């Protein structure tokens, strides 16, 4: 065991030295996330102590080592701590304390695993993305990587849902032990929600290339985006559909002129009317999972009010700091037996919370929920300001649009699912939060330098 750990450490240092010279930190952040998607725990894992080692976790360690080497060499772009950094640090401290002060070994170290891999790893990616050197070339490579991954993900998701099993990679997607959500487009995530969020982000990154390509290239963009939207539809997840529609609205509405927006508003109104008139009943009851009936699916919406009722009862007992991070399944049972005829709460006892905001509220209280909402607001505000900053390049401004898309999809899907326990959703959120913060800090620095230079010029003019 010790020999294995030493070998991993040596490999991480050697890789980081090579990567520090030849590979860019922003792209490596995304590649670590994508490696976790495709060759993560389900693809390969090996027990090393209480926590399994996986390929993406090793790569994350290498990324941190690479960043520290570049920091030591003076090749990282050190930025002062801002308000968002303090909120992220506050969230990290809260989740760590909330985990360690409760039964962190519950259910085979589940709370500790959630802390490490669903929070510390994304937060580590955030600080690397925030403090790395970021250029327009890096952003172009980042968008290109998202497009390439989206094409793979869309094709794999469609092949999985349509039963073209020979074309599905990795093969664990078809493993009989992963039956949850079987029948939907899950991709290597094994979850239609995270699959839909990444498909939407990839579609938006594909649209970013529109102003830079000729007629043939734009035709390829239309084909690629169409495939990604079909794959998102095949997730058969309503929150994913709404998130994709919101992303389309952001990408089309925000850059549009005032005259164009009038036509878009009329078109959207007509589409909404047709949808409500002809398709609204079908949305609430249709076949999705292979081993779940239509009747069971139609009842899923009725479970959420009962889960919300349990959450508010738990919140009233522990309003400030909650019941402890990762402790929901251990603490919730007594609240399900205080039921009425209108609220048969024992029906939802086997379920986790289906709302990320209620999940934070029950486990970390108002403090944790406030920190989460503050981070979402920070990404929204900074992203909007980036798009509005006319002095920035188009690559940088488009990062603002992508930040708005990821933030809105996190919120929309989070209203119907606890996305904090869905793999890789937090990672893409914190990556965008870090990149948007990076460009924002560069913009502030340039403005400060220009102001200082202008002040010096005025001083010299007065002296002359």
Protein backbone atom coordinates (compact mmCIF):
# COMPACT_ATOMS: atom_id res chain seq x y z
CA UNK A 1 0.00 0.00 0.00
CA UNK A 2 2.78 2.42 0.95
CA UNK A 3 4.66 1.57 -2.24
CA UNK A 4 1.54 2.34 -4.31
CA UNK A 5 1.09 5.72 -2.63
CA UNK A 6 4.77 6.60 -3.19
CA UNK A 7 4.52 5.64 -6.87
CA UNK A 8 1.43 7.81 -7.28
CA UNK A 9 3.20 10.73 -5.59
CA UNK A 10 6.30 10.40 -7.81
CA UNK A 11 4.15 10.14 -10.95
CA UNK A 12 2.17 13.21 -9.89
CA UNK A 13 5.32 15.28 -9.38
CA UNK A 14 6.89 14.20 -12.70
CA UNK A 15 3.65 14.83 -14.59
CA UNK A 16 3.23 18.22 -12.95
CA UNK A 17 6.77 19.26 -13.91
CA UNK A 18 6.11 18.36 -17.55
CA UNK A 19 2.64 19.91 -17.50
CA UNK A 20 3.98 23.10 -15.93
CA UNK A 21 6.11 23.62 -19.02
CA UNK A 22 3.85 22.47 -21.83
CA UNK A 23 0.20 22.41 -20.71
CA UNK A 24 -2.11 25.27 -19.73
CA UNK A 25 -3.81 25.27 -16.35
CA UNK A 26 -7.25 26.42 -17.61
CA UNK A 27 -7.49 23.54 -20.08
CA UNK A 28 -6.14 21.09 -17.50
CA UNK A 29 -8.93 22.10 -15.10
CA UNK A 30 -11.52 21.14 -17.70
CA UNK A 31 -9.67 17.94 -18.63
CA UNK A 32 -9.66 16.80 -15.00
CA UNK A 33 -13.45 17.20 -14.94
CA UNK A 34 -13.93 15.42 -18.26
CA UNK A 35 -11.63 12.59 -17.12
CA UNK A 36 -13.85 12.23 -14.06
CA UNK A 37 -16.85 11.93 -16.35
CA UNK A 38 -15.48 9.34 -18.78
CA UNK A 39 -12.92 7.34 -16.76
CA UNK A 40 -14.08 8.09 -13.22
CA UNK A 41 -15.06 5.78 -10.35
CA UNK A 42 -17.28 3.48 -12.43
CA UNK A 43 -14.50 3.01 -15.01
CA UNK A 44 -11.67 2.25 -12.57
CA UNK A 45 -11.15 2.47 -8.82
CA UNK A 46 -8.73 0.94 -6.38
CA UNK A 47 -9.05 0.90 -2.61
CA UNK A 48 -6.25 2.77 -0.84
CA UNK A 49 -7.32 3.09 2.76
CA UNK A 50 -10.88 4.33 3.42
CA UNK A 51 -11.11 6.34 0.18
CA UNK A 52 -10.88 4.71 -3.30
CA UNK A 53 -8.31 6.06 -5.75
CA UNK A 54 -9.58 6.87 -9.25
CA UNK A 55 -7.95 8.30 -12.37
CA UNK A 56 -9.59 11.71 -12.07
CA UNK A 57 -8.63 12.04 -8.40
CA UNK A 58 -5.00 11.34 -9.28
CA UNK A 59 -5.21 13.90 -12.10
CA UNK A 60 -6.71 16.43 -9.66
CA UNK A 61 -3.74 15.90 -7.36
CA UNK A 62 -1.40 16.40 -10.31
CA UNK A 63 -3.25 19.60 -11.23
CA UNK A 64 -2.76 21.00 -7.73
CA UNK A 65 0.96 20.07 -7.80
CA UNK A 66 1.32 21.71 -11.23
CA UNK A 67 -0.34 24.87 -9.94
CA UNK A 68 1.91 25.02 -6.87
CA UNK A 69 5.01 24.58 -9.05
CA UNK A 70 3.91 27.39 -11.35
CA UNK A 71 3.04 29.51 -8.31
CA UNK A 72 6.52 28.92 -6.91
CA UNK A 73 8.12 29.75 -10.28
CA UNK A 74 6.14 32.98 -10.51
CA UNK A 75 4.25 31.80 -13.56
CA UNK A 76 0.82 31.80 -11.95
CA UNK A 77 -1.25 34.97 -12.02
CA UNK A 78 -1.60 35.73 -8.32
CA UNK A 79 -4.74 37.69 -7.62
CA UNK A 80 -5.85 39.27 -4.34
CA UNK A 81 -8.70 37.62 -2.46
CA UNK A 82 -12.04 39.14 -3.35
CA UNK A 83 -15.52 38.74 -1.89
CA UNK A 84 -16.27 35.59 -3.92
CA UNK A 85 -13.04 33.96 -2.71
CA UNK A 86 -14.04 34.65 0.88
CA UNK A 87 -17.48 33.11 0.29
CA UNK A 88 -15.90 30.00 -1.25
CA UNK A 89 -13.49 29.69 1.68
CA UNK A 90 -16.36 30.23 4.11
CA UNK A 91 -18.35 27.45 2.42
CA UNK A 92 -15.33 25.12 2.54
CA UNK A 93 -14.81 25.78 6.26
CA UNK A 94 -18.51 25.34 7.03
CA UNK A 95 -18.84 22.05 5.14
CA UNK A 96 -15.63 20.70 6.64
CA UNK A 97 -16.61 21.59 10.20
CA UNK A 98 -20.17 20.35 9.68
CA UNK A 99 -18.82 17.02 8.39
CA UNK A 100 -16.16 16.41 11.03
CA UNK A 101 -18.31 17.50 13.98
CA UNK A 102 -20.91 14.87 13.08
CA UNK A 103 -20.75 11.21 12.13
CA UNK A 104 -18.55 11.54 9.07
CA UNK A 105 -18.02 7.75 8.84
CA UNK A 106 -21.76 7.10 8.49
CA UNK A 107 -22.69 4.71 5.67
CA UNK A 108 -19.11 3.78 4.67
CA UNK A 109 -17.70 7.32 5.00
CA UNK A 110 -20.39 8.81 2.75
CA UNK A 111 -20.32 12.31 4.36
CA UNK A 112 -16.52 12.41 4.14
CA UNK A 113 -16.58 11.26 0.51
CA UNK A 114 -19.12 13.97 -0.36
CA UNK A 115 -16.92 16.57 1.31
CA UNK A 116 -13.76 15.49 -0.49
CA UNK A 117 -14.97 14.70 -3.99
CA UNK A 118 -18.12 16.80 -4.40
CA UNK A 119 -16.81 19.92 -2.66
CA UNK A 120 -13.06 20.08 -1.98
CA UNK A 121 -12.14 18.92 -5.47
CA UNK A 122 -14.39 21.50 -7.22
CA UNK A 123 -13.21 24.22 -4.81
CA UNK A 124 -9.60 23.30 -5.62
CA UNK A 125 -10.40 23.64 -9.32
CA UNK A 126 -11.98 27.03 -8.57
CA UNK A 127 -8.81 28.48 -7.03
CA UNK A 128 -6.62 27.09 -9.82
CA UNK A 129 -8.93 28.56 -12.48
CA UNK A 130 -9.11 31.88 -10.62
CA UNK A 131 -5.33 32.31 -10.24
CA UNK A 132 -3.96 30.81 -13.45
CA UNK A 133 -2.77 32.83 -16.41
CA UNK A 134 -5.71 33.07 -18.75
CA UNK A 135 -5.58 34.39 -22.32
CA UNK A 136 -8.03 34.47 -25.20
CA UNK A 137 -6.12 31.53 -26.70
CA UNK A 138 -6.81 29.51 -23.55
CA UNK A 139 -10.50 30.37 -23.77
CA UNK A 140 -10.63 29.32 -27.42
CA UNK A 141 -9.04 25.96 -26.51
CA UNK A 142 -11.49 25.61 -23.63
CA UNK A 143 -14.50 26.18 -25.90
CA UNK A 144 -13.06 23.78 -28.49
CA UNK A 145 -12.62 21.08 -25.82
CA UNK A 146 -16.22 21.59 -24.69
CA UNK A 147 -17.41 21.24 -28.30
CA UNK A 148 -15.40 18.03 -28.83
CA UNK A 149 -16.65 16.56 -25.56
CA UNK A 150 -20.21 17.58 -26.40
CA UNK A 151 -20.05 15.75 -29.73
CA UNK A 152 -18.84 12.60 -27.99
CA UNK A 153 -21.39 12.97 -25.21
CA UNK A 154 -24.31 13.65 -27.55
CA UNK A 155 -23.49 10.70 -29.80
CA UNK A 156 -22.98 8.36 -26.82
CA UNK A 157 -26.19 9.49 -25.11
CA UNK A 158 -28.25 8.97 -28.29
CA UNK A 159 -26.67 5.57 -28.93
CA UNK A 160 -27.37 4.50 -25.34
CA UNK A 161 -31.00 5.59 -25.37
CA UNK A 162 -31.72 4.15 -28.81
CA UNK A 163 -30.10 0.79 -27.99
CA UNK A 164 -27.09 1.05 -30.32
CA UNK A 165 -24.94 -0.67 -27.73
CA UNK A 166 -22.00 -1.43 -30.00
CA UNK A 167 -21.35 2.32 -30.30
CA UNK A 168 -21.43 3.08 -26.55
CA UNK A 169 -18.16 3.83 -24.73
CA UNK A 170 -17.22 3.33 -21.92
CA UNK A 171 -18.87 -0.06 -21.60
CA UNK A 172 -19.83 0.45 -17.94
CA UNK A 173 -22.73 2.59 -19.20
CA UNK A 174 -24.41 -0.68 -20.17
CA UNK A 175 -23.44 -2.54 -16.98
CA UNK A 176 -26.56 -4.19 -15.46
CA UNK A 177 -25.61 -2.96 -11.97
CA UNK A 178 -26.33 0.65 -13.03
CA UNK A 179 -30.08 0.34 -13.59
CA UNK A 180 -31.11 3.75 -12.18
CA UNK A 181 -32.41 6.03 -14.96
CA UNK A 182 -31.94 3.21 -17.46
CA UNK A 183 -33.86 4.04 -20.62
CA UNK A 184 -32.86 7.71 -20.66
CA UNK A 185 -29.80 9.37 -22.18
CA UNK A 186 -27.40 9.19 -19.23
CA UNK A 187 -24.03 8.96 -20.96
CA UNK A 188 -20.93 8.26 -18.85
CA UNK A 189 -22.48 10.31 -16.02
CA UNK A 190 -25.08 7.56 -15.45
CA UNK A 191 -27.38 10.46 -14.58
CA UNK A 192 -29.61 12.35 -17.05
CA UNK A 193 -29.42 15.63 -15.09
CA UNK A 194 -25.64 16.07 -15.21
CA UNK A 195 -25.65 14.73 -18.77
CA UNK A 196 -28.20 17.38 -19.75
CA UNK A 197 -26.28 20.21 -18.06
CA UNK A 198 -23.06 19.33 -19.89
CA UNK A 199 -24.90 18.86 -23.19
CA UNK A 200 -26.39 22.34 -22.79
CA UNK A 201 -23.03 23.91 -21.94
CA UNK A 202 -21.42 22.19 -24.93
CA UNK A 203 -24.18 23.41 -27.25
CA UNK A 204 -23.60 26.98 -26.07
CA UNK A 205 -19.83 26.63 -26.58
CA UNK A 206 -20.54 25.36 -30.10
CA UNK A 207 -22.66 28.43 -30.88
CA UNK A 208 -19.74 30.66 -29.79
CA UNK A 209 -17.87 29.72 -32.98
CA UNK A 210 -20.66 31.07 -35.23
CA UNK A 211 -19.16 34.56 -35.84
CA UNK A 212 -15.77 33.07 -36.70
CA UNK A 213 -16.72 30.49 -39.35
CA UNK A 214 -17.81 30.59 -42.99
CA UNK A 215 -21.07 29.25 -44.41
CA UNK A 216 -19.88 25.61 -44.36
CA UNK A 217 -18.70 25.94 -40.77
CA UNK A 218 -22.01 27.44 -39.72
CA UNK A 219 -23.84 24.52 -41.32
CA UNK A 220 -21.73 22.16 -39.22
CA UNK A 221 -22.59 24.22 -36.12
CA UNK A 222 -26.32 23.85 -36.85
CA UNK A 223 -25.89 20.08 -37.27
CA UNK A 224 -23.85 19.75 -34.07
CA UNK A 225 -26.22 21.84 -31.96
CA UNK A 226 -29.20 19.91 -33.34
CA UNK A 227 -27.61 16.61 -32.27
CA UNK A 228 -26.85 18.00 -28.80
CA UNK A 229 -30.42 19.21 -28.37
CA UNK A 230 -31.79 15.83 -29.46
CA UNK A 231 -29.54 14.15 -26.88
CA UNK A 232 -30.76 16.62 -24.23
CA UNK A 233 -34.36 15.79 -25.16
CA UNK A 234 -33.63 12.07 -24.79
CA UNK A 235 -32.67 12.58 -21.16
CA UNK A 236 -36.47 12.72 -20.65
CA UNK A 237 -35.86 15.10 -17.75
CA UNK A 238 -38.12 18.13 -17.61
CA UNK A 239 -35.67 20.32 -15.70
CA UNK A 240 -33.03 19.63 -18.37
CA UNK A 241 -35.49 20.74 -21.07
CA UNK A 242 -36.25 23.95 -19.19
CA UNK A 243 -32.52 24.54 -18.64
CA UNK A 244 -31.81 24.07 -22.35
CA UNK A 245 -34.63 26.48 -23.23
CA UNK A 246 -33.21 29.00 -20.78
CA UNK A 247 -29.76 28.61 -22.33
CA UNK A 248 -31.22 29.21 -25.80
CA UNK A 249 -32.96 32.30 -24.48
CA UNK A 250 -29.72 33.64 -22.96
CA UNK A 251 -27.64 33.02 -26.08
CA UNK A 252 -30.28 34.39 -28.48
CA UNK A 253 -31.97 37.14 -26.44
CA UNK A 254 -29.03 38.90 -24.75
CA UNK A 255 -26.93 39.57 -27.89
CA UNK A 256 -30.03 40.47 -29.97
CA UNK A 257 -30.93 44.01 -30.99
CA UNK A 258 -34.06 45.72 -29.65
CA UNK A 259 -35.94 45.15 -32.91
CA UNK A 260 -34.99 41.47 -33.03
CA UNK A 261 -36.11 40.98 -29.43
CA UNK A 262 -39.65 42.01 -30.38
CA UNK A 263 -39.85 39.21 -32.94
CA UNK A 264 -38.31 36.75 -30.50
CA UNK A 265 -40.88 37.66 -27.86
CA UNK A 266 -43.77 37.07 -30.26
CA UNK A 267 -42.27 33.74 -31.38
CA UNK A 268 -41.70 32.58 -27.80
CA UNK A 269 -45.28 33.51 -26.85
CA UNK A 270 -46.72 31.52 -29.76
CA UNK A 271 -44.52 28.51 -28.94
CA UNK A 272 -45.60 28.65 -25.28
CA UNK A 273 -49.26 28.79 -26.32
CA UNK A 274 -48.91 25.76 -28.62
CA UNK A 275 -47.00 23.82 -25.94
CA UNK A 276 -49.53 24.50 -23.18
CA UNK A 277 -52.46 23.70 -25.47
CA UNK A 278 -51.24 20.46 -27.02
CA UNK A 279 -48.39 19.00 -24.96
CA UNK A 280 -48.67 20.04 -21.30
CA UNK A 281 -50.60 16.88 -20.28
CA UNK A 282 -48.04 14.60 -21.90
CA UNK A 283 -45.13 16.23 -20.07
CA UNK A 284 -46.45 15.10 -16.67
CA UNK A 285 -46.93 11.45 -17.61
CA UNK A 286 -44.76 9.61 -20.08
CA UNK A 287 -42.47 6.58 -20.14
CA UNK A 288 -38.91 7.43 -19.13
CA UNK A 289 -37.03 4.83 -17.09
CA UNK A 290 -36.99 1.28 -18.44
CA UNK A 291 -38.11 -0.32 -15.16
CA UNK A 292 -40.48 2.43 -13.96
CA UNK A 293 -44.09 2.64 -15.12
CA UNK A 294 -45.85 5.72 -16.48
CA UNK A 295 -48.08 5.78 -13.39
CA UNK A 296 -45.04 5.83 -11.09
CA UNK A 297 -43.49 8.61 -13.14
CA UNK A 298 -46.66 10.69 -13.02
CA UNK A 299 -46.64 10.41 -9.21
CA UNK A 300 -43.08 11.72 -8.87
CA UNK A 301 -44.21 15.35 -8.86
CA UNK A 302 -46.54 14.67 -5.92
CA UNK A 303 -43.62 13.50 -3.78
CA UNK A 304 -41.80 16.84 -3.83
CA UNK A 305 -44.26 18.79 -1.63
CA UNK A 306 -43.93 16.08 1.03
CA UNK A 307 -40.14 16.21 0.84
CA UNK A 308 -40.33 19.99 1.17
CA UNK A 309 -42.61 19.60 4.22
CA UNK A 310 -40.05 17.31 5.89
CA UNK A 311 -37.26 19.77 5.05
CA UNK A 312 -39.03 22.70 6.67
CA UNK A 313 -39.75 20.67 9.80
CA UNK A 314 -36.07 19.76 10.05
CA UNK A 315 -35.12 23.39 9.42
CA UNK A 316 -37.32 24.62 12.28
CA UNK A 317 -35.46 22.38 14.72
CA UNK A 318 -31.97 23.41 13.54
CA UNK A 319 -32.34 26.71 11.65
CA UNK A 320 -28.81 28.09 11.78
CA UNK A 321 -26.38 25.25 11.01
CA UNK A 322 -28.66 22.34 10.11
CA UNK A 323 -28.40 18.69 11.08
CA UNK A 324 -24.88 18.22 9.72
CA UNK A 325 -23.43 17.85 6.24
CA UNK A 326 -24.21 14.39 4.83
CA UNK A 327 -26.47 13.53 7.78
CA UNK A 328 -29.89 13.93 6.13
CA UNK A 329 -30.60 10.22 5.67
CA UNK A 330 -29.59 9.52 9.27
CA UNK A 331 -31.64 12.32 10.88
CA UNK A 332 -34.76 12.43 8.73
CA UNK A 333 -36.60 9.30 9.90
CA UNK A 334 -38.54 10.71 12.92
CA UNK A 335 -39.92 13.54 10.77
CA UNK A 336 -41.54 11.10 8.35
CA UNK A 337 -43.70 9.55 11.05
CA UNK A 338 -45.42 12.84 11.93
CA UNK A 339 -47.79 12.42 9.00
CA UNK A 340 -51.39 13.35 8.22
CA UNK A 341 -53.95 12.18 5.69
CA UNK A 342 -52.96 15.05 3.40
CA UNK A 343 -49.26 14.37 3.93
CA UNK A 344 -48.48 10.62 4.01
CA UNK A 345 -44.82 11.34 4.70
CA UNK A 346 -43.76 7.71 5.06
CA UNK A 347 -44.17 7.35 1.30
CA UNK A 348 -41.12 9.55 0.74
CA UNK A 349 -38.94 8.05 3.49
CA UNK A 350 -36.66 6.20 1.00
CA UNK A 351 -35.95 9.37 -0.99
CA UNK A 352 -33.27 12.03 -0.72
CA UNK A 353 -34.20 15.69 -0.98
CA UNK A 354 -35.20 16.67 -4.51
CA UNK A 355 -34.12 20.30 -4.17
CA UNK A 356 -30.55 21.50 -3.69
CA UNK A 357 -31.63 24.59 -1.75
CA UNK A 358 -33.70 22.53 0.70
CA UNK A 359 -30.82 20.07 0.98
CA UNK A 360 -28.44 22.85 2.02
CA UNK A 361 -31.10 24.25 4.34
CA UNK A 362 -31.60 20.96 6.20
CA UNK A 363 -27.93 19.97 6.42
CA UNK A 364 -26.15 23.33 6.80
CA UNK A 365 -28.97 25.68 7.83
CA UNK A 366 -29.39 29.30 6.86
CA UNK A 367 -25.62 29.84 6.93
CA UNK A 368 -24.93 27.19 4.28
CA UNK A 369 -27.89 28.18 2.14
CA UNK A 370 -26.84 31.83 2.30
CA UNK A 371 -23.32 30.97 1.13
CA UNK A 372 -24.66 28.89 -1.78
CA UNK A 373 -27.07 31.63 -2.91
CA UNK A 374 -24.26 34.20 -2.60
CA UNK A 375 -22.05 32.14 -4.93
CA UNK A 376 -24.86 31.79 -7.48
CA UNK A 377 -25.50 35.54 -7.33
CA UNK A 378 -21.77 36.27 -7.67
CA UNK A 379 -21.49 34.15 -10.82
CA UNK A 380 -24.60 35.79 -12.29
CA UNK A 381 -23.44 39.36 -11.58
CA UNK A 382 -19.85 38.86 -12.73
CA UNK A 383 -20.97 37.00 -15.86
CA UNK A 384 -23.40 39.75 -16.80
CA UNK A 385 -20.74 42.43 -16.29
CA UNK A 386 -18.31 40.49 -18.48
CA UNK A 387 -20.79 40.33 -21.32
CA UNK A 388 -21.52 44.05 -20.97
CA UNK A 389 -17.81 44.98 -20.96
CA UNK A 390 -17.37 46.24 -24.53
CA UNK A 391 -13.60 46.74 -24.10
CA UNK A 392 -13.05 42.98 -23.70
CA UNK A 393 -12.52 40.56 -26.57
CA UNK A 394 -15.43 38.47 -27.83
CA UNK A 395 -13.86 35.32 -26.34
CA UNK A 396 -13.88 36.92 -22.88
CA UNK A 397 -17.38 38.33 -23.22
CA UNK A 398 -18.70 34.93 -24.35
CA UNK A 399 -17.36 33.48 -21.12
CA UNK A 400 -19.92 35.70 -19.40
CA UNK A 401 -22.72 34.08 -21.43
CA UNK A 402 -21.45 30.61 -20.55
CA UNK A 403 -21.35 31.58 -16.88
CA UNK A 404 -24.98 32.72 -17.04
CA UNK A 405 -25.98 29.45 -18.74
CA UNK A 406 -24.25 27.25 -16.16
CA UNK A 407 -25.63 29.30 -13.26
CA UNK A 408 -29.20 29.19 -14.60
CA UNK A 409 -28.99 25.46 -15.29
CA UNK A 410 -27.66 24.82 -11.78
CA UNK A 411 -30.63 26.71 -10.32
CA UNK A 412 -33.30 25.24 -12.61
CA UNK A 413 -32.18 21.66 -12.17
CA UNK A 414 -31.48 22.34 -8.50
CA UNK A 415 -35.13 23.21 -7.93
CA UNK A 416 -36.10 19.62 -8.82
CA UNK A 417 -32.96 17.63 -7.90
CA UNK A 418 -30.26 17.81 -5.27
CA UNK A 419 -27.52 18.62 -7.76
CA UNK A 420 -24.97 18.85 -4.91
CA UNK A 421 -24.88 15.03 -4.82
CA UNK A 422 -24.90 14.56 -8.60
CA UNK A 423 -21.34 13.97 -9.87
CA UNK A 424 -19.53 16.75 -11.74
CA UNK A 425 -22.27 19.40 -11.51
CA UNK A 426 -20.42 21.28 -8.76
CA UNK A 427 -17.16 20.89 -10.71
CA UNK A 428 -18.42 22.67 -13.85
CA UNK A 429 -20.06 25.34 -11.68
CA UNK A 430 -16.88 26.11 -9.73
CA UNK A 431 -14.76 26.00 -12.90
CA UNK A 432 -16.92 28.70 -14.51
CA UNK A 433 -16.99 30.67 -11.26
CA UNK A 434 -13.18 30.63 -11.20
CA UNK A 435 -12.71 31.51 -14.87
CA UNK A 436 -15.23 34.36 -14.72
CA UNK A 437 -13.52 35.62 -11.57
CA UNK A 438 -10.16 35.42 -13.35
CA UNK A 439 -11.23 37.56 -16.29
CA UNK A 440 -13.02 39.97 -13.94
CA UNK A 441 -9.85 40.43 -11.89
CA UNK A 442 -7.80 41.01 -15.06
CA UNK A 443 -10.31 43.61 -16.19
CA UNK A 444 -10.15 45.42 -12.83
CA UNK A 445 -6.36 45.34 -12.91
CA UNK A 446 -6.21 46.77 -16.44
CA UNK A 447 -8.66 49.52 -15.51
CA UNK A 448 -6.58 50.36 -12.42
CA UNK A 449 -3.38 50.53 -14.48
CA UNK A 450 -5.02 52.74 -17.10
CA UNK A 451 -6.32 55.05 -14.39
CA UNK A 452 -2.88 55.25 -12.78
CA UNK A 453 -1.26 55.97 -16.14
CA UNK A 454 -3.85 58.65 -16.88
CA UNK A 455 -3.20 60.22 -13.47
CA UNK A 456 0.56 60.25 -14.09
CA UNK A 457 0.07 61.81 -17.51
CA UNK A 458 -2.11 64.54 -16.04
CA UNK A 459 0.45 65.20 -13.30
CA UNK A 460 3.25 65.51 -15.83
CA UNK A 461 1.11 67.81 -18.00
CA UNK A 462 0.42 70.13 -15.03
CA UNK A 463 4.12 70.12 -14.11
CA UNK A 464 5.07 71.10 -17.63
